[in-house]
Every structure is written in structure tokens, then in C-alpha cells.
Amino acid sequence: MISLKWFYLILLLRCIVSEKSMENTEETLLKYKGYIKSSRDLDKNDKDLLTSWSAEFHLSQVNITTRYRLDMTRHKEHNFRKIDASPKWTECLLLHDKEISKSERSYMTCEEECLRTVHTATNNERHSIRKWRKSYRYLTKQCRLEYPSDEEAVGSCLVDYMRRDKFDIVIQRLLDLKLRSMSDLNARMTESLTNLEECLKSCLSHYLDRVRQIMININLCYNYSKKNS
């Protein structure tokens, strides 16, 4: 039979281990809460930064798009204007009105595709920023369901989950990912504006090619009308 002395020694060791375990649990939880606080502070700062970036980005998009749209309109009005003193020219313009309208619609479709490409590129980066920090909330919810009225057990449960899944490493990686994602988004916005300009430049070039061909046809029509008048 175990002696009373050994019994008290075992009991004391259990108390020490239990206290040490509680200290480790609290220490681990504090560490993870620190990670989450850092992530939330970073999230708030990033939201403010994203708002500023988005405003500048959209303004730049509008400026670039408007500039090329005005170029397109200027070429259209210059080439396809009606001349009051020349009924034959006006008649030829009307004969090719469908081609003129089709060329303008083609430019608008091309412009829309350019803008859609820009939005898709930046939205992918935004999604990678938004999809993090959900794991911690999910684990907390699971532990509360398992131990609805025992906060101490919830803490231990959460630590067990985290240790088993190496969640501290996951959070650190998420923080690194968030910083990289923000950097990638900023770079992608800059790149997207450059790509938008190149895309719209191509749209305008195709439009001008169409305009030249239409003008050839209109001039042929006009010269033919003059010859046979």
C-alpha cells in the first residue's frame, strides 16, 4: 500500500502539473490573442489604405477611359460630320450609317472588355486579402459548442486545436500572406492601369482602321454620285 508521504507527494506533483498546464494554456491563449489583435489592427489599417487606393484607382480608370473615349468621339465627329452644302455627301453618310454605328459599338464593347479585365485582376487580389482570419473564429465557435458553460475548458479546447493544427504557425503565415497580398494588390493596380491604357489604345487603333475603311467607301460613293449627277 502506498504510504501517506508518497500520496501527498503525488498529489503535490499533480497540483504543480495542473498549475503549469493552466499557465501554459493561458500563456498560449495570450500569445494567440496577441496574433489576432495584430491581425485586426493590420486589417483596420489595410481597410483605410484600401479605401484610399480604391479612390485613386477608380479616378485613374475614369481619366484613362474618358481620354480614349474622347479621342474616339473626336475622330467620329471629324470624319462623319454632315456638310450642309453637300447633299450628296450627306446621302452617302446615311447609306453607310449602319457601318458607322457598328464601328462605334465595337469600340464600346472593346472598352467594356478592357475594364472587365482590370476589375477581374484586382478583385482576385482583394479576395485573397478578405479570406483570412476565419479559422480562429471557427475554432472558438466549435469549442464553445463543446463546452457551453465552461470558459476554462473552452480555453483548453482552443489551445488543443491550435497546437494540434500548429495554428500559431498558420496565423504567422496568414499575417505574412496579408502583407504580401496588400503589396501584390498595389502592384497589380499599377500594372492594371498600364494594361488598361494599352488595351484602350488597341481599341482606338481598331476603331480608326474601321473608320478609314468606311471613309474609303463613303468617298467612293460620293465620287460616283458626282460623276453621275
Foldseek 3Di string as FASTA:
>chain_A
DDDPVVVVVVVVVVVVVVVVVLVVLVVVVVVVVVLVVVVVVVVVVLVVVVVVVVVVLVVLLCVLLVVLVVVLVVVLCVQLPDDPVDVLLVVLSVVCVVLSVVLVVLLVVLLVVLVVVLCVQLVVLVVLLPPPPVVLVVLLVVLCVVVVPDVSSSSVSSVVVCVVVVVVVVSVVSVVSNVVSSVVSSVSSVVSSVSSNVSSVVSSVVSVVSSVVSSVSSVVSSVVVVVVD
